[in-house]
């Protein structure tokens, strides 16, 4: 049973998130790689000296800044991830995702149902800016996801093997492109919605992968995804198949060569849609607007097995522990 203090802690957590987001927008972390006084920082950024000092104290109090004798500096993690001057900066991604899952109209949606006309697009494409999501999430890919997929690929293929990969709903295509760079005889394909496909197309040129990487545009629930693949990656996308899951499972089976592999990552949603809480809360705004997202994990796995895939193993060594991965073979 939760006590009164448990509920007050939720308010405290919410306040700390608001402080964090404000600090990112104010570019505070981008100016505190080294120790500075609040006066020095106020002069540099053009902010009110007194209030900036109060704000920096709050950041230090919640563990986002170090404080020593009147000087402030980023902690190791804030400097790595929230300093826009560093390669691993994820501040823009955090800001976008907060906006993307905003609950500004939560009570209105509960009272009156979905926004008018939004239920026409059950895939959430009218609710979410998936292009921007793919764009701002790209740096995050290098904080675990790329390493995971390269580790998996190394367990399936040798360095000089020739094989063909499909990254289904691959967003920026980063996973596929890193495989292409690591395996010189591989060919990779990214399948994405037309609203997103421009991003991987531009990155193919940027990465110098013309001739070895390509993009197919469409809706994977309804359109052809190509064929003759030796490995298909479906990372967090089959959760969006909903009523199409059996058709998509058949499509995936037919697209893979005999002996080929299907690697699936799901949000791990339970059949009763009560866990994991991170996924249930993250996609609440979409589901309240009638978006057909978050297919439960058991239905996804059962559909793939029913269509002929052999489930080989499941690994929980993922960049986000709440996600679940499954490896299948045809």
C-alpha atoms as a PDB file:
ATOM      1  CA  UNK A   1       0.000   0.000   0.000  1.00  0.00           C
ATOM      2  CA  UNK A   2       1.389   3.403  -0.965  1.00  0.00           C
ATOM      3  CA  UNK A   3       1.807   5.994   1.740  1.00  0.00           C
ATOM      4  CA  UNK A   4       1.246   9.729   1.519  1.00  0.00           C
ATOM      5  CA  UNK A   5       5.001  10.174   0.992  1.00  0.00           C
ATOM      6  CA  UNK A   6       4.929   7.956  -2.108  1.00  0.00           C
ATOM      7  CA  UNK A   7       2.506  10.334  -3.786  1.00  0.00           C
ATOM      8  CA  UNK A   8       4.505  13.388  -2.798  1.00  0.00           C
ATOM      9  CA  UNK A   9       7.589  11.713  -4.253  1.00  0.00           C
ATOM     10  CA  UNK A  10       5.855  11.573  -7.637  1.00  0.00           C
ATOM     11  CA  UNK A  11       5.344  15.321  -7.454  1.00  0.00           C
ATOM     12  CA  UNK A  12       9.027  15.736  -6.595  1.00  0.00           C
ATOM     13  CA  UNK A  13      10.050  13.553  -9.553  1.00  0.00           C
ATOM     14  CA  UNK A  14       7.865  15.638 -11.849  1.00  0.00           C
ATOM     15  CA  UNK A  15       9.426  18.858 -10.586  1.00  0.00           C
ATOM     16  CA  UNK A  16      12.919  17.470 -11.146  1.00  0.00           C
ATOM     17  CA  UNK A  17      12.044  16.584 -14.739  1.00  0.00           C
ATOM     18  CA  UNK A  18      10.805  20.135 -15.310  1.00  0.00           C
ATOM     19  CA  UNK A  19      14.081  21.508 -13.945  1.00  0.00           C
ATOM     20  CA  UNK A  20      16.085  19.152 -16.168  1.00  0.00           C
ATOM     21  CA  UNK A  21      14.185  20.136 -19.313  1.00  0.00           C
ATOM     22  CA  UNK A  22      14.559  23.838 -18.500  1.00  0.00           C
ATOM     23  CA  UNK A  23      18.310  23.402 -18.034  1.00  0.00           C
ATOM     24  CA  UNK A  24      18.608  21.737 -21.440  1.00  0.00           C
ATOM     25  CA  UNK A  25      16.627  24.517 -23.122  1.00  0.00           C
ATOM     26  CA  UNK A  26      18.729  27.142 -21.327  1.00  0.00           C
ATOM     27  CA  UNK A  27      21.948  25.461 -22.580  1.00  0.00           C
ATOM     28  CA  UNK A  28      23.312  25.401 -19.031  1.00  0.00           C
ATOM     29  CA  UNK A  29      25.078  22.049 -19.398  1.00  0.00           C
ATOM     30  CA  UNK A  30      26.701  23.147 -22.658  1.00  0.00           C
ATOM     31  CA  UNK A  31      28.603  25.846 -20.761  1.00  0.00           C
ATOM     32  CA  UNK A  32      29.705  23.946 -17.660  1.00  0.00           C
ATOM     33  CA  UNK A  33      32.355  21.468 -18.750  1.00  0.00           C
ATOM     34  CA  UNK A  34      34.660  23.323 -16.363  1.00  0.00           C
ATOM     35  CA  UNK A  35      34.020  24.899 -12.987  1.00  0.00           C
ATOM     36  CA  UNK A  36      32.441  28.364 -13.142  1.00  0.00           C
ATOM     37  CA  UNK A  37      30.722  30.678 -10.696  1.00  0.00           C
ATOM     38  CA  UNK A  38      27.117  31.615 -11.281  1.00  0.00           C
ATOM     39  CA  UNK A  39      28.296  35.155 -12.031  1.00  0.00           C
ATOM     40  CA  UNK A  40      30.667  33.958 -14.758  1.00  0.00           C
ATOM     41  CA  UNK A  41      27.951  31.809 -16.304  1.00  0.00           C
ATOM     42  CA  UNK A  42      25.350  34.593 -16.095  1.00  0.00           C
ATOM     43  CA  UNK A  43      27.727  36.932 -17.907  1.00  0.00           C
ATOM     44  CA  UNK A  44      28.442  34.312 -20.575  1.00  0.00           C
ATOM     45  CA  UNK A  45      24.798  33.418 -21.224  1.00  0.00           C
ATOM     46  CA  UNK A  46      23.232  36.808 -20.558  1.00  0.00           C
ATOM     47  CA  UNK A  47      20.946  35.540 -17.791  1.00  0.00           C
ATOM     48  CA  UNK A  48      19.838  37.136 -14.525  1.00  0.00           C
ATOM     49  CA  UNK A  49      22.711  36.607 -12.109  1.00  0.00           C
ATOM     50  CA  UNK A  50      20.711  36.071  -8.931  1.00  0.00           C
ATOM     51  CA  UNK A  51      18.122  33.721 -10.385  1.00  0.00           C
ATOM     52  CA  UNK A  52      20.708  31.725 -12.298  1.00  0.00           C
ATOM     53  CA  UNK A  53      22.530  31.102  -9.022  1.00  0.00           C
ATOM     54  CA  UNK A  54      19.318  29.840  -7.424  1.00  0.00           C
ATOM     55  CA  UNK A  55      18.649  27.623 -10.445  1.00  0.00           C
ATOM     56  CA  UNK A  56      22.178  26.170 -10.429  1.00  0.00           C
ATOM     57  CA  UNK A  57      21.745  25.285  -6.766  1.00  0.00           C
ATOM     58  CA  UNK A  58      18.613  23.313  -7.649  1.00  0.00           C
ATOM     59  CA  UNK A  59      20.531  21.423 -10.360  1.00  0.00           C
ATOM     60  CA  UNK A  60      23.281  20.619  -7.889  1.00  0.00           C
ATOM     61  CA  UNK A  61      20.728  19.562  -5.279  1.00  0.00           C
ATOM     62  CA  UNK A  62      19.232  16.927  -7.593  1.00  0.00           C
ATOM     63  CA  UNK A  63      22.626  15.621  -8.664  1.00  0.00           C
ATOM     64  CA  UNK A  64      22.969  17.121 -12.137  1.00  0.00           C
ATOM     65  CA  UNK A  65      25.804  19.502 -11.280  1.00  0.00           C
ATOM     66  CA  UNK A  66      28.828  19.357  -9.010  1.00  0.00           C
ATOM     67  CA  UNK A  67      29.297  22.242  -6.562  1.00  0.00           C
ATOM     68  CA  UNK A  68      32.517  23.283  -4.833  1.00  0.00           C
ATOM     69  CA  UNK A  69      33.252  26.546  -3.021  1.00  0.00           C
ATOM     70  CA  UNK A  70      30.925  28.653  -5.155  1.00  0.00           C
ATOM     71  CA  UNK A  71      31.809  26.946  -8.445  1.00  0.00           C
ATOM     72  CA  UNK A  72      29.573  24.687 -10.556  1.00  0.00           C
ATOM     73  CA  UNK A  73      30.452  21.986 -13.082  1.00  0.00           C
ATOM     74  CA  UNK A  74      28.668  19.190 -14.948  1.00  0.00           C
ATOM     75  CA  UNK A  75      28.735  15.716 -13.487  1.00  0.00           C
ATOM     76  CA  UNK A  76      30.394  13.115 -15.686  1.00  0.00           C
ATOM     77  CA  UNK A  77      27.075  11.875 -17.087  1.00  0.00           C
ATOM     78  CA  UNK A  78      25.546  15.312 -17.700  1.00  0.00           C
ATOM     79  CA  UNK A  79      28.683  16.411 -19.509  1.00  0.00           C
ATOM     80  CA  UNK A  80      28.651  13.294 -21.691  1.00  0.00           C
ATOM     81  CA  UNK A  81      24.943  13.274 -22.549  1.00  0.00           C
ATOM     82  CA  UNK A  82      23.562  16.779 -21.996  1.00  0.00           C
ATOM     83  CA  UNK A  83      26.406  18.993 -23.207  1.00  0.00           C
ATOM     84  CA  UNK A  84      25.566  19.894 -26.807  1.00  0.00           C
ATOM     85  CA  UNK A  85      29.255  20.183 -27.616  1.00  0.00           C
ATOM     86  CA  UNK A  86      29.785  16.461 -27.073  1.00  0.00           C
ATOM     87  CA  UNK A  87      29.197  13.722 -29.630  1.00  0.00           C
ATOM     88  CA  UNK A  88      26.798  11.750 -27.400  1.00  0.00           C
ATOM     89  CA  UNK A  89      24.477  14.708 -26.717  1.00  0.00           C
ATOM     90  CA  UNK A  90      20.864  13.569 -26.308  1.00  0.00           C
ATOM     91  CA  UNK A  91      19.301  16.791 -25.070  1.00  0.00           C
ATOM     92  CA  UNK A  92      17.320  17.448 -28.250  1.00  0.00           C
ATOM     93  CA  UNK A  93      16.031  13.887 -28.156  1.00  0.00           C
ATOM     94  CA  UNK A  94      14.835  14.286 -24.569  1.00  0.00           C
ATOM     95  CA  UNK A  95      13.103  17.569 -25.360  1.00  0.00           C
ATOM     96  CA  UNK A  96      11.407  16.148 -28.441  1.00  0.00           C
ATOM     97  CA  UNK A  97      10.223  13.008 -26.676  1.00  0.00           C
ATOM     98  CA  UNK A  98       8.760  15.067 -23.848  1.00  0.00           C
ATOM     99  CA  UNK A  99       6.834  17.068 -26.430  1.00  0.00           C
ATOM    100  CA  UNK A 100       5.884  13.947 -28.394  1.00  0.00           C
ATOM    101  CA  UNK A 101       4.226  12.237 -25.429  1.00  0.00           C
ATOM    102  CA  UNK A 102       2.760  15.429 -23.959  1.00  0.00           C
ATOM    103  CA  UNK A 103      -0.294  15.016 -21.731  1.00  0.00           C
ATOM    104  CA  UNK A 104      -1.501  18.583 -22.193  1.00  0.00           C
ATOM    105  CA  UNK A 105      -4.946  17.405 -23.278  1.00  0.00           C
ATOM    106  CA  UNK A 106      -5.059  14.173 -21.271  1.00  0.00           C
ATOM    107  CA  UNK A 107      -8.219  15.015 -19.356  1.00  0.00           C
ATOM    108  CA  UNK A 108      -9.947  16.267 -22.508  1.00  0.00           C
ATOM    109  CA  UNK A 109      -9.200  13.028 -24.367  1.00  0.00           C
ATOM    110  CA  UNK A 110     -10.459  10.897 -21.474  1.00  0.00           C
ATOM    111  CA  UNK A 111     -13.684  12.915 -21.287  1.00  0.00           C
ATOM    112  CA  UNK A 112     -14.426  13.325 -24.995  1.00  0.00           C
ATOM    113  CA  UNK A 113     -12.514  10.642 -26.860  1.00  0.00           C
ATOM    114  CA  UNK A 114      -9.976  10.970 -29.712  1.00  0.00           C
ATOM    115  CA  UNK A 115      -9.246  14.209 -31.489  1.00  0.00           C
ATOM    116  CA  UNK A 116     -11.453  14.660 -34.570  1.00  0.00           C
ATOM    117  CA  UNK A 117     -10.015  13.042 -37.739  1.00  0.00           C
ATOM    118  CA  UNK A 118      -7.004  11.532 -35.981  1.00  0.00           C
ATOM    119  CA  UNK A 119      -8.576   8.080 -35.821  1.00  0.00           C
ATOM    120  CA  UNK A 120      -8.346   7.939 -39.615  1.00  0.00           C
ATOM    121  CA  UNK A 121      -4.628   7.141 -39.298  1.00  0.00           C
ATOM    122  CA  UNK A 122      -4.458   4.175 -36.975  1.00  0.00           C
ATOM    123  CA  UNK A 123      -0.663   3.924 -37.334  1.00  0.00           C
ATOM    124  CA  UNK A 124      -0.105   7.171 -35.442  1.00  0.00           C
ATOM    125  CA  UNK A 125       1.440   8.961 -38.435  1.00  0.00           C
ATOM    126  CA  UNK A 126      -0.851  11.979 -37.915  1.00  0.00           C
ATOM    127  CA  UNK A 127      -0.105  12.117 -34.214  1.00  0.00           C
ATOM    128  CA  UNK A 128       3.665  11.748 -34.136  1.00  0.00           C
ATOM    129  CA  UNK A 129       6.511  13.301 -36.113  1.00  0.00           C
ATOM    130  CA  UNK A 130       8.370  10.058 -36.802  1.00  0.00           C
ATOM    131  CA  UNK A 131      10.896  11.811 -39.063  1.00  0.00           C
ATOM    132  CA  UNK A 132      11.972  14.089 -36.238  1.00  0.00           C
ATOM    133  CA  UNK A 133      11.962  11.142 -33.830  1.00  0.00           C
ATOM    134  CA  UNK A 134      14.327   9.200 -36.099  1.00  0.00           C
ATOM    135  CA  UNK A 135      16.506  12.268 -36.553  1.00  0.00           C
ATOM    136  CA  UNK A 136      16.943  13.183 -32.886  1.00  0.00           C
ATOM    137  CA  UNK A 137      17.302   9.556 -31.778  1.00  0.00           C
ATOM    138  CA  UNK A 138      20.218   8.790 -34.059  1.00  0.00           C
ATOM    139  CA  UNK A 139      22.927   9.639 -31.528  1.00  0.00           C
ATOM    140  CA  UNK A 140      21.227   7.408 -28.984  1.00  0.00           C
ATOM    141  CA  UNK A 141      21.737   4.485 -31.349  1.00  0.00           C
ATOM    142  CA  UNK A 142      25.439   4.569 -30.566  1.00  0.00           C
ATOM    143  CA  UNK A 143      24.865   4.244 -26.825  1.00  0.00           C
ATOM    144  CA  UNK A 144      23.944   0.554 -26.995  1.00  0.00           C
ATOM    145  CA  UNK A 145      21.749  -0.304 -29.953  1.00  0.00           C
ATOM    146  CA  UNK A 146      24.515  -0.315 -32.560  1.00  0.00           C
ATOM    147  CA  UNK A 147      26.726  -2.392 -30.283  1.00  0.00           C
ATOM    148  CA  UNK A 148      23.880  -4.858 -29.699  1.00  0.00           C
ATOM    149  CA  UNK A 149      23.132  -5.343 -33.387  1.00  0.00           C
ATOM    150  CA  UNK A 150      26.809  -5.720 -34.343  1.00  0.00           C
ATOM    151  CA  UNK A 151      27.238  -8.303 -31.585  1.00  0.00           C
ATOM    152  CA  UNK A 152      24.240 -10.206 -32.925  1.00  0.00           C
ATOM    153  CA  UNK A 153      25.449  -9.980 -36.534  1.00  0.00           C
ATOM    154  CA  UNK A 154      28.883 -11.291 -35.526  1.00  0.00           C
ATOM    155  CA  UNK A 155      27.218 -14.367 -34.017  1.00  0.00           C
ATOM    156  CA  UNK A 156      25.407 -15.120 -37.293  1.00  0.00           C
ATOM    157  CA  UNK A 157      27.868 -14.214 -40.060  1.00  0.00           C
ATOM    158  CA  UNK A 158      31.581 -14.179 -40.742  1.00  0.00           C
ATOM    159  CA  UNK A 159      33.376 -10.978 -41.668  1.00  0.00           C
ATOM    160  CA  UNK A 160      33.677 -11.898 -45.371  1.00  0.00           C
ATOM    161  CA  UNK A 161      30.188 -13.397 -45.816  1.00  0.00           C
ATOM    162  CA  UNK A 162      27.854 -12.016 -48.447  1.00  0.00           C
ATOM    163  CA  UNK A 163      24.392 -11.443 -47.013  1.00  0.00           C
ATOM    164  CA  UNK A 164      21.389  -9.164 -47.388  1.00  0.00           C
ATOM    165  CA  UNK A 165      19.778  -7.266 -44.509  1.00  0.00           C
ATOM    166  CA  UNK A 166      16.409  -5.531 -44.132  1.00  0.00           C
ATOM    167  CA  UNK A 167      15.915  -2.954 -41.385  1.00  0.00           C
ATOM    168  CA  UNK A 168      12.113  -2.833 -41.167  1.00  0.00           C
ATOM    169  CA  UNK A 169      10.832   0.548 -40.023  1.00  0.00           C
ATOM    170  CA  UNK A 170      14.475   1.411 -39.482  1.00  0.00           C
ATOM    171  CA  UNK A 171      14.073   5.155 -38.998  1.00  0.00           C
ATOM    172  CA  UNK A 172      17.428   6.729 -39.801  1.00  0.00           C
ATOM    173  CA  UNK A 173      18.743   3.356 -40.988  1.00  0.00           C
ATOM    174  CA  UNK A 174      21.677   3.599 -38.596  1.00  0.00           C
ATOM    175  CA  UNK A 175      21.609  -0.076 -37.575  1.00  0.00           C
ATOM    176  CA  UNK A 176      21.640  -1.232 -41.187  1.00  0.00           C
ATOM    177  CA  UNK A 177      24.325   1.241 -42.208  1.00  0.00           C
ATOM    178  CA  UNK A 178      26.638   0.181 -39.379  1.00  0.00           C
ATOM    179  CA  UNK A 179      26.259  -3.442 -40.483  1.00  0.00           C
ATOM    180  CA  UNK A 180      27.132  -2.406 -44.037  1.00  0.00           C
ATOM    181  CA  UNK A 181      30.254  -0.619 -42.814  1.00  0.00           C
ATOM    182  CA  UNK A 182      31.336  -3.584 -40.689  1.00  0.00           C
ATOM    183  CA  UNK A 183      30.672  -6.229 -43.373  1.00  0.00           C
ATOM    184  CA  UNK A 184      32.040  -5.149 -46.777  1.00  0.00           C
ATOM    185  CA  UNK A 185      30.204  -7.869 -48.726  1.00  0.00           C
ATOM    186  CA  UNK A 186      26.799  -7.171 -47.222  1.00  0.00           C
ATOM    187  CA  UNK A 187      23.874  -5.313 -48.781  1.00  0.00           C
ATOM    188  CA  UNK A 188      21.354  -3.475 -46.620  1.00  0.00           C
ATOM    189  CA  UNK A 189      17.827  -2.193 -47.206  1.00  0.00           C
ATOM    190  CA  UNK A 190      15.862   0.202 -45.012  1.00  0.00           C
ATOM    191  CA  UNK A 191      12.071   0.073 -45.230  1.00  0.00           C
ATOM    192  CA  UNK A 192      10.384   3.257 -44.046  1.00  0.00           C
ATOM    193  CA  UNK A 193       7.234   5.311 -44.358  1.00  0.00           C
ATOM    194  CA  UNK A 194       7.429   8.015 -47.069  1.00  0.00           C
ATOM    195  CA  UNK A 195       7.282  10.669 -44.341  1.00  0.00           C
ATOM    196  CA  UNK A 196      10.541   9.322 -42.863  1.00  0.00           C
ATOM    197  CA  UNK A 197      12.390   7.785 -45.817  1.00  0.00           C
ATOM    198  CA  UNK A 198      14.128  11.025 -46.788  1.00  0.00           C
ATOM    199  CA  UNK A 199      16.371  10.731 -43.719  1.00  0.00           C
ATOM    200  CA  UNK A 200      17.969   7.333 -44.501  1.00  0.00           C
ATOM    201  CA  UNK A 201      18.233   8.334 -48.160  1.00  0.00           C
ATOM    202  CA  UNK A 202      20.300  11.367 -47.228  1.00  0.00           C
ATOM    203  CA  UNK A 203      22.444   9.339 -44.829  1.00  0.00           C
ATOM    204  CA  UNK A 204      23.295   6.788 -47.514  1.00  0.00           C
ATOM    205  CA  UNK A 205      25.037   9.569 -49.426  1.00  0.00           C
ATOM    206  CA  UNK A 206      26.576  11.001 -46.275  1.00  0.00           C
ATOM    207  CA  UNK A 207      27.987   7.612 -45.279  1.00  0.00           C
ATOM    208  CA  UNK A 208      29.202   6.806 -48.813  1.00  0.00           C
ATOM    209  CA  UNK A 209      27.081   3.655 -49.048  1.00  0.00           C
ATOM    210  CA  UNK A 210      25.590   4.171 -52.517  1.00  0.00           C
ATOM    211  CA  UNK A 211      25.327   0.815 -54.284  1.00  0.00           C
ATOM    212  CA  UNK A 212      25.314  -1.162 -51.021  1.00  0.00           C
ATOM    213  CA  UNK A 213      22.390   0.457 -49.215  1.00  0.00           C
ATOM    214  CA  UNK A 214      18.920   1.379 -50.437  1.00  0.00           C
ATOM    215  CA  UNK A 215      15.539   2.506 -49.147  1.00  0.00           C
ATOM    216  CA  UNK A 216      12.072   1.085 -49.835  1.00  0.00           C
ATOM    217  CA  UNK A 217       9.144   3.379 -49.092  1.00  0.00           C
ATOM    218  CA  UNK A 218       5.748   2.232 -47.910  1.00  0.00           C
ATOM    219  CA  UNK A 219       3.511   1.018 -45.100  1.00  0.00           C
ATOM    220  CA  UNK A 220       4.887  -2.332 -43.945  1.00  0.00           C
ATOM    221  CA  UNK A 221       1.419  -3.387 -42.807  1.00  0.00           C
ATOM    222  CA  UNK A 222       0.097  -3.174 -46.367  1.00  0.00           C
ATOM    223  CA  UNK A 223       2.961  -2.899 -48.891  1.00  0.00           C
ATOM    224  CA  UNK A 224       5.657  -5.233 -50.176  1.00  0.00           C
ATOM    225  CA  UNK A 225       8.861  -5.210 -48.143  1.00  0.00           C
ATOM    226  CA  UNK A 226      11.061  -6.944 -50.723  1.00  0.00           C
ATOM    227  CA  UNK A 227      12.607 -10.406 -50.462  1.00  0.00           C
ATOM    228  CA  UNK A 228      15.728 -12.579 -50.449  1.00  0.00           C
ATOM    229  CA  UNK A 229      16.952 -11.291 -47.106  1.00  0.00           C
ATOM    230  CA  UNK A 230      19.325 -13.253 -44.878  1.00  0.00           C
ATOM    231  CA  UNK A 231      18.580 -11.112 -41.829  1.00  0.00           C
ATOM    232  CA  UNK A 232      15.574  -8.926 -41.061  1.00  0.00           C
ATOM    233  CA  UNK A 233      15.687  -6.519 -38.124  1.00  0.00           C
ATOM    234  CA  UNK A 234      12.300  -5.480 -36.727  1.00  0.00           C
ATOM    235  CA  UNK A 235      13.199  -3.277 -33.783  1.00  0.00           C
ATOM    236  CA  UNK A 236      10.133  -1.942 -31.983  1.00  0.00           C
ATOM    237  CA  UNK A 237       7.941  -1.918 -35.096  1.00  0.00           C
ATOM    238  CA  UNK A 238       5.804  -5.062 -34.898  1.00  0.00           C
ATOM    239  CA  UNK A 239       4.134  -3.466 -31.876  1.00  0.00           C
ATOM    240  CA  UNK A 240       2.524  -1.206 -34.517  1.00  0.00           C
ATOM    241  CA  UNK A 241       1.136  -4.082 -36.610  1.00  0.00           C
ATOM    242  CA  UNK A 242      -1.986  -4.626 -34.469  1.00  0.00           C
ATOM    243  CA  UNK A 243      -4.718  -6.176 -36.674  1.00  0.00           C
ATOM    244  CA  UNK A 244      -2.155  -6.788 -39.448  1.00  0.00           C
ATOM    245  CA  UNK A 245       0.201  -8.926 -37.348  1.00  0.00           C
ATOM    246  CA  UNK A 246      -0.611 -12.238 -39.064  1.00  0.00           C
ATOM    247  CA  UNK A 247      -0.293 -10.711 -42.535  1.00  0.00           C
ATOM    248  CA  UNK A 248       2.984  -9.059 -41.563  1.00  0.00           C
ATOM    249  CA  UNK A 249       4.286 -12.340 -40.091  1.00  0.00           C
ATOM    250  CA  UNK A 250       3.531 -14.119 -43.368  1.00  0.00           C
ATOM    251  CA  UNK A 251       5.160 -11.301 -45.313  1.00  0.00           C
ATOM    252  CA  UNK A 252       8.276 -11.518 -43.159  1.00  0.00           C
ATOM    253  CA  UNK A 253       8.474 -15.298 -43.552  1.00  0.00           C
ATOM    254  CA  UNK A 254       8.230 -15.059 -47.332  1.00  0.00           C
ATOM    255  CA  UNK A 255      10.832 -12.288 -47.482  1.00  0.00           C
ATOM    256  CA  UNK A 256      13.597 -14.297 -45.804  1.00  0.00           C
ATOM    257  CA  UNK A 257      15.799 -16.886 -47.492  1.00  0.00           C
ATOM    258  CA  UNK A 258      15.736 -20.441 -46.119  1.00  0.00           C
ATOM    259  CA  UNK A 259      18.038 -20.545 -43.120  1.00  0.00           C
ATOM    260  CA  UNK A 260      17.784 -16.766 -42.718  1.00  0.00           C
ATOM    261  CA  UNK A 261      17.135 -14.905 -39.472  1.00  0.00           C
ATOM    262  CA  UNK A 262      14.547 -12.530 -38.039  1.00  0.00           C
ATOM    263  CA  UNK A 263      15.570 -10.394 -35.060  1.00  0.00           C
ATOM    264  CA  UNK A 264      12.616  -8.823 -33.260  1.00  0.00           C
ATOM    265  CA  UNK A 265      12.609  -6.286 -30.459  1.00  0.00           C
ATOM    266  CA  UNK A 266       9.266  -5.552 -28.833  1.00  0.00           C
ATOM    267  CA  UNK A 267       8.129  -3.196 -26.102  1.00  0.00           C
ATOM    268  CA  UNK A 268       7.363  -6.298 -24.030  1.00  0.00           C
ATOM    269  CA  UNK A 269       3.728  -5.367 -23.487  1.00  0.00           C
ATOM    270  CA  UNK A 270       1.685  -7.807 -21.414  1.00  0.00           C
ATOM    271  CA  UNK A 271      -1.625  -9.218 -22.632  1.00  0.00           C
ATOM    272  CA  UNK A 272      -3.540  -7.164 -20.065  1.00  0.00           C
ATOM    273  CA  UNK A 273      -1.715  -3.958 -21.098  1.00  0.00           C
ATOM    274  CA  UNK A 274      -0.572  -3.261 -17.555  1.00  0.00           C
ATOM    275  CA  UNK A 275       3.180  -3.636 -18.029  1.00  0.00           C
ATOM    276  CA  UNK A 276       5.841  -2.533 -18.533  1.00  0.00           C
ATOM    277  CA  UNK A 277       4.704   0.797 -17.204  1.00  0.00           C
ATOM    278  CA  UNK A 278       7.287   2.661 -19.308  1.00  0.00           C
ATOM    279  CA  UNK A 279       5.684   1.524 -22.578  1.00  0.00           C
ATOM    280  CA  UNK A 280       2.122   1.897 -21.342  1.00  0.00           C
ATOM    281  CA  UNK A 281       2.734   5.499 -20.276  1.00  0.00           C
ATOM    282  CA  UNK A 282       4.948   6.440 -23.251  1.00  0.00           C
ATOM    283  CA  UNK A 283       2.284   5.600 -25.836  1.00  0.00           C
ATOM    284  CA  UNK A 284      -0.776   6.626 -23.803  1.00  0.00           C
ATOM    285  CA  UNK A 285      -1.408   9.805 -25.799  1.00  0.00           C
ATOM    286  CA  UNK A 286      -1.507   7.851 -29.042  1.00  0.00           C
ATOM    287  CA  UNK A 287      -3.789   5.147 -27.729  1.00  0.00           C
ATOM    288  CA  UNK A 288      -6.196   7.773 -26.379  1.00  0.00           C
ATOM    289  CA  UNK A 289      -6.394   9.067 -29.948  1.00  0.00           C
ATOM    290  CA  UNK A 290      -7.298   5.600 -31.238  1.00  0.00           C
ATOM    291  CA  UNK A 291      -3.862   4.793 -32.695  1.00  0.00           C
ATOM    292  CA  UNK A 292      -3.414   1.056 -33.142  1.00  0.00           C
ATOM    293  CA  UNK A 293      -0.081   0.697 -31.392  1.00  0.00           C
ATOM    294  CA  UNK A 294       1.410  -1.564 -28.729  1.00  0.00           C
ATOM    295  CA  UNK A 295       0.548  -5.074 -29.862  1.00  0.00           C
ATOM    296  CA  UNK A 296       1.210  -7.353 -26.920  1.00  0.00           C
ATOM    297  CA  UNK A 297       4.415  -9.382 -26.989  1.00  0.00           C
ATOM    298  CA  UNK A 298       2.788 -12.819 -26.722  1.00  0.00           C
ATOM    299  CA  UNK A 299       0.608 -12.193 -29.783  1.00  0.00           C
ATOM    300  CA  UNK A 300       3.622 -11.059 -31.806  1.00  0.00           C
ATOM    301  CA  UNK A 301       5.722 -14.110 -30.929  1.00  0.00           C
ATOM    302  CA  UNK A 302       2.849 -16.568 -31.387  1.00  0.00           C
ATOM    303  CA  UNK A 303       2.005 -15.129 -34.790  1.00  0.00           C
ATOM    304  CA  UNK A 304       5.588 -15.490 -36.031  1.00  0.00           C
ATOM    305  CA  UNK A 305       5.872 -19.074 -34.768  1.00  0.00           C
ATOM    306  CA  UNK A 306       2.492 -19.983 -36.277  1.00  0.00           C
ATOM    307  CA  UNK A 307       3.643 -18.723 -39.672  1.00  0.00           C
ATOM    308  CA  UNK A 308       6.673 -21.043 -39.611  1.00  0.00           C
ATOM    309  CA  UNK A 309       9.518 -19.292 -37.804  1.00  0.00           C
ATOM    310  CA  UNK A 310      11.599 -21.252 -35.306  1.00  0.00           C
ATOM    311  CA  UNK A 311      12.352 -19.290 -32.151  1.00  0.00           C
ATOM    312  CA  UNK A 312      16.025 -19.727 -31.288  1.00  0.00           C
ATOM    313  CA  UNK A 313      16.692 -17.668 -28.194  1.00  0.00           C
ATOM    314  CA  UNK A 314      15.827 -14.578 -26.271  1.00  0.00           C
ATOM    315  CA  UNK A 315      18.377 -12.165 -24.914  1.00  0.00           C
ATOM    316  CA  UNK A 316      17.704  -9.497 -22.346  1.00  0.00           C
ATOM    317  CA  UNK A 317      21.091  -7.832 -22.787  1.00  0.00           C
ATOM    318  CA  UNK A 318      19.577  -4.811 -24.431  1.00  0.00           C
ATOM    319  CA  UNK A 319      20.214  -1.079 -24.289  1.00  0.00           C
ATOM    320  CA  UNK A 320      16.822  -0.706 -22.569  1.00  0.00           C
ATOM    321  CA  UNK A 321      16.091  -3.587 -20.225  1.00  0.00           C
ATOM    322  CA  UNK A 322      12.310  -3.279 -20.503  1.00  0.00           C
ATOM    323  CA  UNK A 323      12.486  -4.123 -24.206  1.00  0.00           C
ATOM    324  CA  UNK A 324      12.468  -7.794 -25.192  1.00  0.00           C
ATOM    325  CA  UNK A 325      14.422  -9.361 -28.038  1.00  0.00           C
ATOM    326  CA  UNK A 326      13.737 -12.572 -29.921  1.00  0.00           C
ATOM    327  CA  UNK A 327      15.762 -14.343 -32.587  1.00  0.00           C
ATOM    328  CA  UNK A 328      13.938 -16.529 -35.120  1.00  0.00           C
ATOM    329  CA  UNK A 329      15.150 -18.657 -38.013  1.00  0.00           C
ATOM    330  CA  UNK A 330      13.362 -19.782 -41.131  1.00  0.00           C
END
